[in-house]
C-alpha atoms as a PDB file:
ATOM      1  CA  MET A   1      10.284  88.566  97.189  1.00  0.00           C
ATOM      2  CA  LYS A   2       9.888  91.601  99.422  1.00  0.00           C
ATOM      3  CA  LYS A   3       7.336  91.530 102.183  1.00  0.00           C
ATOM      4  CA  SER A   4       4.378  93.855 101.761  1.00  0.00           C
ATOM      5  CA  ASN A   5       5.331  95.784 104.872  1.00  0.00           C
ATOM      6  CA  ASP A   6       8.594  96.736 103.159  1.00  0.00           C
ATOM      7  CA  GLN A   7       6.714  98.708 100.512  1.00  0.00           C
ATOM      8  CA  MET A   8       6.441 102.470 100.356  1.00  0.00           C
ATOM      9  CA  LEU A   9       2.789 103.492 100.407  1.00  0.00           C
ATOM     10  CA  GLY A  10       1.092 106.846 100.028  1.00  0.00           C
ATOM     11  CA  THR A  11      -1.224 109.009  97.965  1.00  0.00           C
ATOM     12  CA  SER A  12      -0.417 112.465  99.367  1.00  0.00           C
ATOM     13  CA  ALA A  13       1.227 115.185  97.290  1.00  0.00           C
ATOM     14  CA  ALA A  14       4.296 115.094  99.547  1.00  0.00           C
ATOM     15  CA  PHE A  15       4.633 111.335  99.019  1.00  0.00           C
ATOM     16  CA  PHE A  16       4.387 111.642  95.228  1.00  0.00           C
ATOM     17  CA  GLU A  17       7.005 114.397  95.216  1.00  0.00           C
ATOM     18  CA  LEU A  18       9.282 112.127  97.244  1.00  0.00           C
ATOM     19  CA  THR A  19       8.865 109.101  94.970  1.00  0.00           C
ATOM     20  CA  ASP A  20       9.367 111.269  91.887  1.00  0.00           C
ATOM     21  CA  GLN A  21      12.678 112.569  93.266  1.00  0.00           C
ATOM     22  CA  ILE A  22      13.773 109.013  94.089  1.00  0.00           C
ATOM     23  CA  SER A  23      12.931 107.793  90.586  1.00  0.00           C
ATOM     24  CA  ARG A  24      14.897 110.625  88.975  1.00  0.00           C
ATOM     25  CA  ALA A  25      17.904 110.195  91.278  1.00  0.00           C
ATOM     26  CA  ALA A  26      18.127 106.389  91.225  1.00  0.00           C
ATOM     27  CA  PRO A  27      19.717 105.944  87.754  1.00  0.00           C
ATOM     28  CA  LEU A  28      22.445 108.508  88.466  1.00  0.00           C
ATOM     29  CA  ASP A  29      25.684 106.862  89.553  1.00  0.00           C
ATOM     30  CA  ARG A  30      26.386 109.452  92.252  1.00  0.00           C
ATOM     31  CA  PRO A  31      26.452 109.518  96.075  1.00  0.00           C
ATOM     32  CA  MET A  32      23.150 110.476  97.671  1.00  0.00           C
ATOM     33  CA  LEU A  33      22.022 111.698 101.082  1.00  0.00           C
ATOM     34  CA  VAL A  34      18.664 110.784 102.611  1.00  0.00           C
ATOM     35  CA  ILE A  35      17.675 113.137 105.435  1.00  0.00           C
ATOM     36  CA  GLY A  36      14.674 112.629 107.671  1.00  0.00           C
ATOM     37  CA  GLU A  37      13.320 112.174 111.155  1.00  0.00           C
ATOM     38  CA  ARG A  38      13.415 108.784 112.862  1.00  0.00           C
ATOM     39  CA  GLY A  39      10.881 106.317 111.532  1.00  0.00           C
ATOM     40  CA  THR A  40      10.339 107.987 108.148  1.00  0.00           C
ATOM     41  CA  GLY A  41      11.641 105.041 106.106  1.00  0.00           C
ATOM     42  CA  LYS A  42      15.118 106.194 105.102  1.00  0.00           C
ATOM     43  CA  GLU A  43      16.334 102.606 104.632  1.00  0.00           C
ATOM     44  CA  LEU A  44      13.409 101.837 102.296  1.00  0.00           C
ATOM     45  CA  ILE A  45      14.340 104.885 100.220  1.00  0.00           C
ATOM     46  CA  ALA A  46      17.980 103.762 100.045  1.00  0.00           C
ATOM     47  CA  ALA A  47      16.845 100.327  98.856  1.00  0.00           C
ATOM     48  CA  ARG A  48      14.646 101.937  96.216  1.00  0.00           C
ATOM     49  CA  LEU A  49      17.573 104.058  95.011  1.00  0.00           C
ATOM     50  CA  HIS A  50      19.614 100.872  94.599  1.00  0.00           C
ATOM     51  CA  TYR A  51      17.002  98.630  92.987  1.00  0.00           C
ATOM     52  CA  LEU A  52      15.936 101.313  90.490  1.00  0.00           C
ATOM     53  CA  SER A  53      19.558 101.891  89.455  1.00  0.00           C
ATOM     54  CA  ASN A  54      21.787 100.073  86.970  1.00  0.00           C
ATOM     55  CA  ARG A  55      23.339  98.310  89.977  1.00  0.00           C
ATOM     56  CA  TRP A  56      20.055  96.598  90.886  1.00  0.00           C
ATOM     57  CA  ASP A  57      21.463  93.089  90.283  1.00  0.00           C
ATOM     58  CA  ARG A  58      24.561  93.725  92.394  1.00  0.00           C
ATOM     59  CA  ASN A  59      25.098  93.623  96.140  1.00  0.00           C
ATOM     60  CA  PHE A  60      23.227  96.085  98.358  1.00  0.00           C
ATOM     61  CA  GLN A  61      25.016  96.371 101.686  1.00  0.00           C
ATOM     62  CA  LYS A  62      23.595  98.134 104.758  1.00  0.00           C
ATOM     63  CA  MET A  63      25.554  99.447 107.717  1.00  0.00           C
ATOM     64  CA  ASN A  64      24.392 101.395 110.779  1.00  0.00           C
ATOM     65  CA  CYS A  65      27.316 103.656 111.675  1.00  0.00           C
ATOM     66  CA  ALA A  66      25.974 104.282 115.182  1.00  0.00           C
ATOM     67  CA  ALA A  67      25.789 100.581 116.052  1.00  0.00           C
ATOM     68  CA  LEU A  68      29.544 100.073 116.513  1.00  0.00           C
ATOM     69  CA  PRO A  69      32.388 101.943 118.247  1.00  0.00           C
ATOM     70  CA  ASP A  70      34.848 103.776 115.995  1.00  0.00           C
ATOM     71  CA  THR A  71      37.505 101.040 115.920  1.00  0.00           C
ATOM     72  CA  LEU A  72      35.040  98.301 115.005  1.00  0.00           C
ATOM     73  CA  LEU A  73      33.247 100.543 112.524  1.00  0.00           C
ATOM     74  CA  GLU A  74      36.438 101.037 110.483  1.00  0.00           C
ATOM     75  CA  SER A  75      37.242  97.329 110.399  1.00  0.00           C
ATOM     76  CA  GLU A  76      33.621  96.568 109.464  1.00  0.00           C
ATOM     77  CA  LEU A  77      33.660  99.069 106.598  1.00  0.00           C
ATOM     78  CA  PHE A  78      37.188  98.581 105.271  1.00  0.00           C
ATOM     79  CA  GLY A  79      38.094  95.082 106.458  1.00  0.00           C
ATOM     80  CA  TYR A  80      41.323  94.105 108.200  1.00  0.00           C
ATOM     81  CA  GLU A  81      44.546  92.178 107.773  1.00  0.00           C
ATOM     82  CA  PRO A  82      45.753  89.323 109.999  1.00  0.00           C
ATOM     83  CA  GLY A  83      47.296  90.677 113.193  1.00  0.00           C
ATOM     84  CA  ALA A  84      45.642  94.091 112.859  1.00  0.00           C
ATOM     85  CA  PHE A  85      44.317  93.676 116.400  1.00  0.00           C
ATOM     86  CA  THR A  86      43.809  90.972 118.997  1.00  0.00           C
ATOM     87  CA  GLY A  87      41.649  88.226 117.520  1.00  0.00           C
ATOM     88  CA  ALA A  88      42.303  89.180 113.881  1.00  0.00           C
ATOM     89  CA  ASN A  89      43.632  85.766 112.791  1.00  0.00           C
ATOM     90  CA  LYS A  90      42.871  86.051 109.088  1.00  0.00           C
ATOM     91  CA  LYS A  91      42.113  88.628 106.445  1.00  0.00           C
ATOM     92  CA  ARG A  92      38.510  89.828 106.354  1.00  0.00           C
ATOM     93  CA  LYS A  93      36.773  91.827 103.681  1.00  0.00           C
ATOM     94  CA  GLY A  94      34.834  94.918 104.731  1.00  0.00           C
ATOM     95  CA  ARG A  95      31.471  96.182 103.513  1.00  0.00           C
ATOM     96  CA  PHE A  96      33.080  98.206 100.728  1.00  0.00           C
ATOM     97  CA  GLU A  97      34.702  95.164  99.152  1.00  0.00           C
ATOM     98  CA  ILE A  98      31.528  93.114  99.532  1.00  0.00           C
ATOM     99  CA  ALA A  99      29.507  95.911  97.894  1.00  0.00           C
ATOM    100  CA  HIS A 100      31.908  96.222  94.923  1.00  0.00           C
ATOM    101  CA  LYS A 101      29.919  97.284  91.801  1.00  0.00           C
ATOM    102  CA  GLY A 102      26.851  97.615  94.014  1.00  0.00           C
ATOM    103  CA  SER A 103      25.608 100.080  96.652  1.00  0.00           C
ATOM    104  CA  LEU A 104      26.449 100.689 100.311  1.00  0.00           C
ATOM    105  CA  PHE A 105      23.862 102.267 102.587  1.00  0.00           C
ATOM    106  CA  LEU A 106      25.438 104.067 105.555  1.00  0.00           C
ATOM    107  CA  ASP A 107      22.730 104.825 108.104  1.00  0.00           C
ATOM    108  CA  GLU A 108      23.407 107.366 110.885  1.00  0.00           C
ATOM    109  CA  ILE A 109      26.344 108.642 108.843  1.00  0.00           C
ATOM    110  CA  GLY A 110      26.561 111.758 111.009  1.00  0.00           C
ATOM    111  CA  THR A 111      27.918 109.672 113.904  1.00  0.00           C
ATOM    112  CA  MET A 112      31.100 108.593 112.086  1.00  0.00           C
ATOM    113  CA  SER A 113      34.436 109.545 113.625  1.00  0.00           C
ATOM    114  CA  MET A 114      36.687 112.031 111.834  1.00  0.00           C
ATOM    115  CA  THR A 115      39.136 109.220 110.979  1.00  0.00           C
ATOM    116  CA  ALA A 116      36.395 107.132 109.374  1.00  0.00           C
ATOM    117  CA  GLN A 117      35.098 110.230 107.564  1.00  0.00           C
ATOM    118  CA  GLU A 118      38.549 110.856 106.112  1.00  0.00           C
ATOM    119  CA  LYS A 119      38.753 107.284 104.801  1.00  0.00           C
ATOM    120  CA  LEU A 120      35.223 107.530 103.422  1.00  0.00           C
ATOM    121  CA  LEU A 121      36.137 110.725 101.576  1.00  0.00           C
ATOM    122  CA  ARG A 122      39.082 108.960  99.958  1.00  0.00           C
ATOM    123  CA  VAL A 123      36.851 106.088  98.799  1.00  0.00           C
ATOM    124  CA  ILE A 124      34.393 108.523  97.240  1.00  0.00           C
ATOM    125  CA  GLU A 125      37.105 110.565  95.519  1.00  0.00           C
ATOM    126  CA  TYR A 126      39.498 107.830  94.373  1.00  0.00           C
ATOM    127  CA  GLY A 127      37.682 104.528  94.896  1.00  0.00           C
ATOM    128  CA  GLU A 128      40.490 103.172  97.052  1.00  0.00           C
ATOM    129  CA  PHE A 129      41.422 102.458 100.665  1.00  0.00           C
ATOM    130  CA  GLU A 130      43.611 100.210 102.839  1.00  0.00           C
ATOM    131  CA  ARG A 131      42.289  97.563 105.170  1.00  0.00           C
ATOM    132  CA  VAL A 132      42.869  98.117 108.880  1.00  0.00           C
ATOM    133  CA  GLY A 133      46.409  97.003 109.701  1.00  0.00           C
ATOM    134  CA  GLY A 134      47.449  96.780 106.048  1.00  0.00           C
ATOM    135  CA  ASN A 135      49.191  98.855 103.402  1.00  0.00           C
ATOM    136  CA  GLU A 136      47.825  97.202 100.255  1.00  0.00           C
ATOM    137  CA  THR A 137      45.551  99.564  98.294  1.00  0.00           C
ATOM    138  CA  VAL A 138      42.133  98.079  97.556  1.00  0.00           C
ATOM    139  CA  HIS A 139      40.142  99.486  94.615  1.00  0.00           C
ATOM    140  CA  VAL A 140      36.349  99.403  94.639  1.00  0.00           C
ATOM    141  CA  ASN A 141      33.420 100.785  92.673  1.00  0.00           C
ATOM    142  CA  VAL A 142      30.618 101.446  95.150  1.00  0.00           C
ATOM    143  CA  ARG A 143      27.704 103.852  95.155  1.00  0.00           C
ATOM    144  CA  ILE A 144      27.314 105.358  98.622  1.00  0.00           C
ATOM    145  CA  ILE A 145      23.920 106.288 100.026  1.00  0.00           C
ATOM    146  CA  GLY A 146      24.098 108.046 103.390  1.00  0.00           C
ATOM    147  CA  ALA A 147      21.257 108.723 105.788  1.00  0.00           C
ATOM    148  CA  THR A 148      20.866 110.716 108.986  1.00  0.00           C
ATOM    149  CA  ASN A 149      18.306 112.515 111.114  1.00  0.00           C
ATOM    150  CA  ILE A 150      20.642 115.371 112.078  1.00  0.00           C
ATOM    151  CA  ASP A 151      21.396 118.679 110.379  1.00  0.00           C
ATOM    152  CA  LEU A 152      24.672 117.815 108.617  1.00  0.00           C
ATOM    153  CA  PRO A 153      25.503 121.375 107.454  1.00  0.00           C
ATOM    154  CA  ALA A 154      25.109 122.579 111.052  1.00  0.00           C
ATOM    155  CA  ALA A 155      27.257 119.657 112.269  1.00  0.00           C
ATOM    156  CA  ALA A 156      29.920 120.623 109.730  1.00  0.00           C
ATOM    157  CA  ASP A 157      29.830 124.250 110.884  1.00  0.00           C
ATOM    158  CA  VAL A 158      30.656 123.217 114.466  1.00  0.00           C
ATOM    159  CA  GLY A 159      33.367 120.768 113.382  1.00  0.00           C
ATOM    160  CA  ASP A 160      31.498 117.499 113.940  1.00  0.00           C
ATOM    161  CA  PHE A 161      31.377 116.613 110.241  1.00  0.00           C
ATOM    162  CA  ARG A 162      33.828 117.300 107.424  1.00  0.00           C
ATOM    163  CA  HIS A 163      32.733 120.003 104.995  1.00  0.00           C
ATOM    164  CA  ASP A 164      34.611 118.362 102.112  1.00  0.00           C
ATOM    165  CA  LEU A 165      32.899 115.009 102.771  1.00  0.00           C
ATOM    166  CA  LEU A 166      29.524 116.727 102.955  1.00  0.00           C
ATOM    167  CA  ASP A 167      30.201 118.373  99.592  1.00  0.00           C
ATOM    168  CA  ARG A 168      30.994 115.007  98.004  1.00  0.00           C
ATOM    169  CA  LEU A 169      28.057 113.175  99.539  1.00  0.00           C
ATOM    170  CA  ALA A 170      25.482 115.833  98.734  1.00  0.00           C
ATOM    171  CA  PHE A 171      25.316 115.445  94.968  1.00  0.00           C
ATOM    172  CA  ASP A 172      21.628 115.584  95.781  1.00  0.00           C
ATOM    173  CA  VAL A 173      19.717 115.375  99.044  1.00  0.00           C
ATOM    174  CA  ILE A 174      16.401 113.608  99.485  1.00  0.00           C
ATOM    175  CA  THR A 175      14.626 115.124 102.477  1.00  0.00           C
ATOM    176  CA  VAL A 176      11.865 112.796 103.645  1.00  0.00           C
ATOM    177  CA  PRO A 177       8.647 114.513 104.763  1.00  0.00           C
ATOM    178  CA  PRO A 178       7.490 113.473 108.258  1.00  0.00           C
ATOM    179  CA  LEU A 179       4.174 111.697 108.567  1.00  0.00           C
ATOM    180  CA  ARG A 180       2.462 114.817 109.951  1.00  0.00           C
ATOM    181  CA  GLU A 181       3.128 116.426 106.543  1.00  0.00           C
ATOM    182  CA  ARG A 182       1.582 113.377 104.818  1.00  0.00           C
ATOM    183  CA  HIS A 183      -1.769 113.658 106.544  1.00  0.00           C
ATOM    184  CA  ASP A 184      -3.643 111.988 103.677  1.00  0.00           C
ATOM    185  CA  ASP A 185      -1.469 108.871 104.045  1.00  0.00           C
ATOM    186  CA  ILE A 186      -2.161 108.154 107.722  1.00  0.00           C
ATOM    187  CA  LEU A 187      -5.362 106.139 107.240  1.00  0.00           C
ATOM    188  CA  LEU A 188      -4.005 104.355 104.159  1.00  0.00           C
ATOM    189  CA  LEU A 189      -0.971 103.186 106.139  1.00  0.00           C
ATOM    190  CA  ALA A 190      -3.071 102.346 109.199  1.00  0.00           C
ATOM    191  CA  GLU A 191      -5.348 100.180 107.056  1.00  0.00           C
ATOM    192  CA  ASN A 192      -2.369  98.434 105.454  1.00  0.00           C
ATOM    193  CA  PHE A 193      -0.621  97.717 108.762  1.00  0.00           C
ATOM    194  CA  GLY A 194      -3.924  96.657 110.336  1.00  0.00           C
ATOM    195  CA  ARG A 195      -4.629  94.110 107.585  1.00  0.00           C
ATOM    196  CA  GLN A 196      -1.113  92.695 107.874  1.00  0.00           C
ATOM    197  CA  MET A 197      -1.442  92.261 111.637  1.00  0.00           C
ATOM    198  CA  ALA A 198      -4.932  90.745 111.297  1.00  0.00           C
ATOM    199  CA  LEU A 199      -3.518  88.205 108.853  1.00  0.00           C
ATOM    200  CA  GLU A 200      -0.724  87.422 111.283  1.00  0.00           C
ATOM    201  CA  GLN A 201      -3.337  86.933 114.020  1.00  0.00           C
ATOM    202  CA  GLU A 202      -5.241  84.581 111.657  1.00  0.00           C
ATOM    203  CA  TRP A 203      -8.371  86.695 111.690  1.00  0.00           C
ATOM    204  CA  LEU A 204     -10.940  85.940 109.005  1.00  0.00           C
ATOM    205  CA  GLN A 205     -11.202  89.646 108.189  1.00  0.00           C
ATOM    206  CA  PHE A 206      -9.938  93.033 109.283  1.00  0.00           C
ATOM    207  CA  PRO A 207     -12.872  94.986 110.771  1.00  0.00           C
ATOM    208  CA  GLY A 208     -11.423  98.475 110.330  1.00  0.00           C
ATOM    209  CA  TYR A 209     -11.464 101.258 112.925  1.00  0.00           C
ATOM    210  CA  THR A 210     -14.100 103.140 114.871  1.00  0.00           C
ATOM    211  CA  ASP A 211     -14.669 106.822 114.136  1.00  0.00           C
ATOM    212  CA  ASP A 212     -13.073 107.757 117.463  1.00  0.00           C
ATOM    213  CA  ALA A 213      -9.972 105.716 116.621  1.00  0.00           C
ATOM    214  CA  ILE A 214      -9.724 107.370 113.214  1.00  0.00           C
ATOM    215  CA  ASP A 215     -10.089 110.834 114.740  1.00  0.00           C
ATOM    216  CA  ALA A 216      -7.401 110.031 117.315  1.00  0.00           C
ATOM    217  CA  MET A 217      -4.930 108.857 114.664  1.00  0.00           C
ATOM    218  CA  LEU A 218      -5.573 111.877 112.475  1.00  0.00           C
ATOM    219  CA  ALA A 219      -5.169 114.299 115.389  1.00  0.00           C
ATOM    220  CA  TYR A 220      -1.922 112.738 116.660  1.00  0.00           C
ATOM    221  CA  ASP A 221       1.394 114.324 115.662  1.00  0.00           C
ATOM    222  CA  TRP A 222       3.338 111.044 115.085  1.00  0.00           C
ATOM    223  CA  PRO A 223       6.803 112.058 116.343  1.00  0.00           C
ATOM    224  CA  GLY A 224       7.994 108.514 115.516  1.00  0.00           C
ATOM    225  CA  ASN A 225       6.472 108.742 112.037  1.00  0.00           C
ATOM    226  CA  VAL A 226       5.595 105.623 109.997  1.00  0.00           C
ATOM    227  CA  ARG A 227       7.457 103.273 112.343  1.00  0.00           C
ATOM    228  CA  GLU A 228       5.442 104.560 115.301  1.00  0.00           C
ATOM    229  CA  LEU A 229       2.180 104.298 113.347  1.00  0.00           C
ATOM    230  CA  LYS A 230       2.963 100.667 112.559  1.00  0.00           C
ATOM    231  CA  ASN A 231       3.625  99.901 116.223  1.00  0.00           C
ATOM    232  CA  VAL A 232       0.449 101.678 117.374  1.00  0.00           C
ATOM    233  CA  VAL A 233      -1.724  99.848 114.837  1.00  0.00           C
ATOM    234  CA  GLU A 234      -0.221  96.415 115.514  1.00  0.00           C
ATOM    235  CA  ARG A 235      -0.637  96.946 119.263  1.00  0.00           C
ATOM    236  CA  ALA A 236      -4.285  97.942 118.776  1.00  0.00           C
ATOM    237  CA  VAL A 237      -5.010  94.895 116.613  1.00  0.00           C
ATOM    238  CA  TYR A 238      -3.434  92.342 118.910  1.00  0.00           C
ATOM    239  CA  ARG A 239      -5.247  93.818 121.930  1.00  0.00           C
ATOM    240  CA  ALA A 240      -8.591  93.540 120.137  1.00  0.00           C
ATOM    241  CA  TRP A 241      -8.471  89.727 120.497  1.00  0.00           C
ATOM    242  CA  ASP A 242     -10.954  88.442 117.921  1.00  0.00           C
ATOM    243  CA  GLY A 243     -11.472  91.187 115.344  1.00  0.00           C
ATOM    244  CA  GLU A 244     -15.247  90.919 115.390  1.00  0.00           C
ATOM    245  CA  GLU A 245     -15.739  94.626 116.092  1.00  0.00           C
ATOM    246  CA  PRO A 246     -13.958  97.672 114.595  1.00  0.00           C
ATOM    247  CA  ILE A 247     -10.743  98.608 116.397  1.00  0.00           C
ATOM    248  CA  GLY A 248     -11.428 101.365 118.916  1.00  0.00           C
ATOM    249  CA  ASP A 249      -8.681 101.178 121.521  1.00  0.00           C
ATOM    250  CA  ILE A 250      -5.690 103.179 120.249  1.00  0.00           C
ATOM    251  CA  VAL A 251      -2.779 103.395 122.694  1.00  0.00           C
ATOM    252  CA  PHE A 252      -0.067 105.828 121.652  1.00  0.00           C
ATOM    253  CA  ASP A 253       2.149 105.414 124.712  1.00  0.00           C
ATOM    254  CA  PRO A 254       2.520 101.762 125.860  1.00  0.00           C
ATOM    255  CA  PHE A 255       4.468 102.948 128.927  1.00  0.00           C
ATOM    256  CA  GLU A 256       1.519 104.915 130.282  1.00  0.00           C
ATOM    257  CA  SER A 257       0.475 103.328 133.570  1.00  0.00           C
ATOM    258  CA  PRO A 258      -0.331 104.451 137.127  1.00  0.00           C
ATOM    259  CA  TYR A 259       2.359 101.981 138.229  1.00  0.00           C
ATOM    260  CA  ARG A 260       5.127 103.338 136.031  1.00  0.00           C
ATOM    261  CA  PRO A 261       8.327 103.852 138.093  1.00  0.00           C
ATOM    262  CA  LYS A 262       9.404 107.416 138.741  1.00  0.00           C
ATOM    263  CA  SER A 263      12.365 108.507 136.652  1.00  0.00           C
ATOM    264  CA  ASN A 264      15.695 109.148 138.358  1.00  0.00           C
ATOM    265  CA  ILE A 265      17.803 109.089 135.214  1.00  0.00           C
ATOM    266  CA  ARG A 266      20.075 112.037 134.532  1.00  0.00           C
ATOM    267  CA  LYS A 267      20.261 113.465 131.051  1.00  0.00           C
ATOM    268  CA  LYS A 268      23.514 112.613 129.271  1.00  0.00           C
ATOM    269  CA  SER A 269      25.611 115.462 127.967  1.00  0.00           C
ATOM    270  CA  ALA A 270      27.139 115.545 124.493  1.00  0.00           C
ATOM    271  CA  GLN A 271      30.431 114.334 126.000  1.00  0.00           C
ATOM    272  CA  GLY A 272      28.766 111.187 127.315  1.00  0.00           C
ATOM    273  CA  GLY A 273      28.615 112.238 130.972  1.00  0.00           C
ATOM    274  CA  SER A 274      25.550 113.320 132.907  1.00  0.00           C
ATOM    275  CA  LYS A 275      24.378 116.683 134.075  1.00  0.00           C
ATOM    276  CA  GLU A 276      21.663 118.221 136.175  1.00  0.00           C
ATOM    277  CA  VAL A 277      19.287 120.488 134.306  1.00  0.00           C
ATOM    278  CA  THR A 278      18.460 123.498 136.455  1.00  0.00           C
ATOM    279  CA  VAL A 279      16.762 126.828 135.935  1.00  0.00           C
ATOM    280  CA  ASP A 280      17.810 129.944 137.819  1.00  0.00           C
ATOM    281  CA  LEU A 281      14.484 131.616 138.540  1.00  0.00           C
ATOM    282  CA  ASP A 282      16.253 134.749 139.766  1.00  0.00           C
ATOM    283  CA  LYS A 283      17.537 135.244 136.203  1.00  0.00           C
ATOM    284  CA  ALA A 284      14.285 134.331 134.479  1.00  0.00           C
ATOM    285  CA  ASP A 285      12.324 136.955 132.625  1.00  0.00           C
ATOM    286  CA  ALA A 286       9.246 137.089 134.849  1.00  0.00           C
ATOM    287  CA  GLY A 287      10.795 139.652 137.157  1.00  0.00           C
ATOM    288  CA  ALA A 288      11.479 139.585 140.866  1.00  0.00           C
ATOM    289  CA  VAL A 289       8.833 138.192 143.186  1.00  0.00           C
ATOM    290  CA  ASP A 290       8.140 139.757 146.570  1.00  0.00           C
ATOM    291  CA  VAL A 291       7.653 136.650 148.712  1.00  0.00           C
ATOM    292  CA  ASP A 292       6.943 138.788 151.795  1.00  0.00           C
ATOM    293  CA  ALA A 293       3.597 139.807 150.354  1.00  0.00           C
ATOM    294  CA  PRO A 294       0.834 137.384 149.310  1.00  0.00           C
ATOM    295  CA  PHE A 295       0.944 136.497 145.589  1.00  0.00           C
ATOM    296  CA  ASP A 296      -0.548 134.008 143.118  1.00  0.00           C
ATOM    297  CA  PHE A 297       2.002 131.181 143.115  1.00  0.00           C
ATOM    298  CA  LYS A 298       0.448 129.252 140.193  1.00  0.00           C
ATOM    299  CA  ALA A 299       0.255 132.354 138.018  1.00  0.00           C
ATOM    300  CA  CYS A 300       3.861 133.233 138.825  1.00  0.00           C
ATOM    301  CA  VAL A 301       5.122 129.742 137.926  1.00  0.00           C
ATOM    302  CA  ALA A 302       3.033 129.720 134.746  1.00  0.00           C
ATOM    303  CA  GLN A 303       4.524 133.056 133.696  1.00  0.00           C
ATOM    304  CA  GLN A 304       8.054 131.784 134.340  1.00  0.00           C
ATOM    305  CA  GLU A 305       7.282 128.652 132.327  1.00  0.00           C
ATOM    306  CA  ARG A 306       5.857 130.660 129.429  1.00  0.00           C
ATOM    307  CA  ASN A 307       8.843 133.008 129.315  1.00  0.00           C
ATOM    308  CA  ILE A 308      11.314 130.125 129.321  1.00  0.00           C
ATOM    309  CA  LEU A 309       9.458 128.468 126.419  1.00  0.00           C
ATOM    310  CA  LYS A 310       9.495 131.722 124.443  1.00  0.00           C
ATOM    311  CA  GLN A 311      13.221 132.283 125.050  1.00  0.00           C
ATOM    312  CA  VAL A 312      14.127 128.777 123.935  1.00  0.00           C
ATOM    313  CA  LEU A 313      11.878 129.001 120.853  1.00  0.00           C
ATOM    314  CA  ILE A 314      13.590 132.232 119.837  1.00  0.00           C
ATOM    315  CA  LYS A 315      17.020 130.703 120.512  1.00  0.00           C
ATOM    316  CA  PHE A 316      16.300 127.821 118.123  1.00  0.00           C
ATOM    317  CA  ARG A 317      14.397 129.914 115.566  1.00  0.00           C
ATOM    318  CA  TYR A 318      11.099 128.234 116.491  1.00  0.00           C
ATOM    319  CA  ASN A 319      12.398 124.727 115.739  1.00  0.00           C
ATOM    320  CA  GLN A 320      10.187 122.939 118.271  1.00  0.00           C
ATOM    321  CA  ARG A 321      12.128 119.662 118.271  1.00  0.00           C
ATOM    322  CA  GLN A 322      15.448 121.344 119.020  1.00  0.00           C
ATOM    323  CA  ALA A 323      13.792 123.467 121.696  1.00  0.00           C
ATOM    324  CA  ALA A 324      12.258 120.373 123.295  1.00  0.00           C
ATOM    325  CA  ARG A 325      15.620 118.593 123.379  1.00  0.00           C
ATOM    326  CA  HIS A 326      17.238 121.673 124.916  1.00  0.00           C
ATOM    327  CA  LEU A 327      14.720 121.562 127.777  1.00  0.00           C
ATOM    328  CA  SER A 328      14.997 117.763 128.198  1.00  0.00           C
ATOM    329  CA  LEU A 329      11.357 117.373 127.148  1.00  0.00           C
ATOM    330  CA  SER A 330       9.777 115.010 124.666  1.00  0.00           C
ATOM    331  CA  TYR A 331       8.349 116.604 121.535  1.00  0.00           C
ATOM    332  CA  ASP A 332       4.802 115.822 122.729  1.00  0.00           C
ATOM    333  CA  GLN A 333       5.461 117.360 126.140  1.00  0.00           C
ATOM    334  CA  PHE A 334       6.818 120.510 124.520  1.00  0.00           C
ATOM    335  CA  ARG A 335       3.823 120.779 122.173  1.00  0.00           C
ATOM    336  CA  HIS A 336       1.480 120.333 125.142  1.00  0.00           C
ATOM    337  CA  LEU A 337       3.175 123.198 126.986  1.00  0.00           C
ATOM    338  CA  MET A 338       2.969 125.414 123.901  1.00  0.00           C
ATOM    339  CA  LYS A 339      -0.735 124.713 123.674  1.00  0.00           C
ATOM    340  CA  LYS A 340      -1.160 125.316 127.399  1.00  0.00           C
ATOM    341  CA  HIS A 341       0.474 128.737 127.154  1.00  0.00           C
ATOM    342  CA  GLU A 342      -1.120 129.607 123.777  1.00  0.00           C
ATOM    343  CA  LEU A 343       2.204 130.037 122.013  1.00  0.00           C
ATOM    344  CA  PHE A 344       1.259 128.527 118.645  1.00  0.00           C
ATOM    345  CA  GLY A 345       0.062 131.791 117.209  1.00  0.00           C
ATOM    346  CA  GLU A 346       3.033 133.863 118.332  1.00  0.00           C
END
């Protein structure tokens, strides 16, 4: 039996549209893509697609493509023959063989190497592959459900993902709405997670939340979506000790502390190295500054900051998350700066 915290809950229009699409897509024996931000429940949706399909009584395999290096990923998916590599003493079935006549959920599918993508394409098209280190053709019947939080068409355009594989995977695409677009579901989920944690803490009852706590949860943007909401609620419940009074202490960032160490970590580049992020103020849009004459330093810096934000927003077509990543900022930090410089209405 599934645990209650593995259920999909919601009453918002966006949630009902999502569940309706899942219900219509589940019986179709076709590959599916589930696209959404981190923490939106993509794995739960994949499970629902499987258990509402005609394959519900068959194996449902799950694989995180980002959890293993390329060489291990291929052997995990397709299996291997004895002697394929050091330590391969006997034949081992891969996830595709184990999922035969069932479904295989490939999370973080956008991180797969080109070699693995080519093999995956062949499985989708012909239902066959060879194990690593072997030449025997293995035939399987597997429904593939892929998931990612990246823009796969954009990745294909820059050569990071195969266009032909994308075409085969995208029979239909389920795009999961983030929690900020399911505003009516926030308190429902918070109540559900709170009751579960209270039960785990062996409280006699769950006392609910104070008005201030409710206002804080409704005003928050939830960049980590449902997963973050669950963590925030469980943290608030366990810190409340006895549950006699409504929960009022909501901590969104558990790292926040006056004793938090200063960061000296360099941002990694796409190639895996590190780089310094610098801004050439001489080339910024605020214009030259005559440092020989007195001037308002804070106003000058604020103007530079505002112009940089505007340039990056325009560059990424006002996609705030991409702009934040480009500036090595968290989404919340970027939103705070936008509010500070009154850029929301522009």
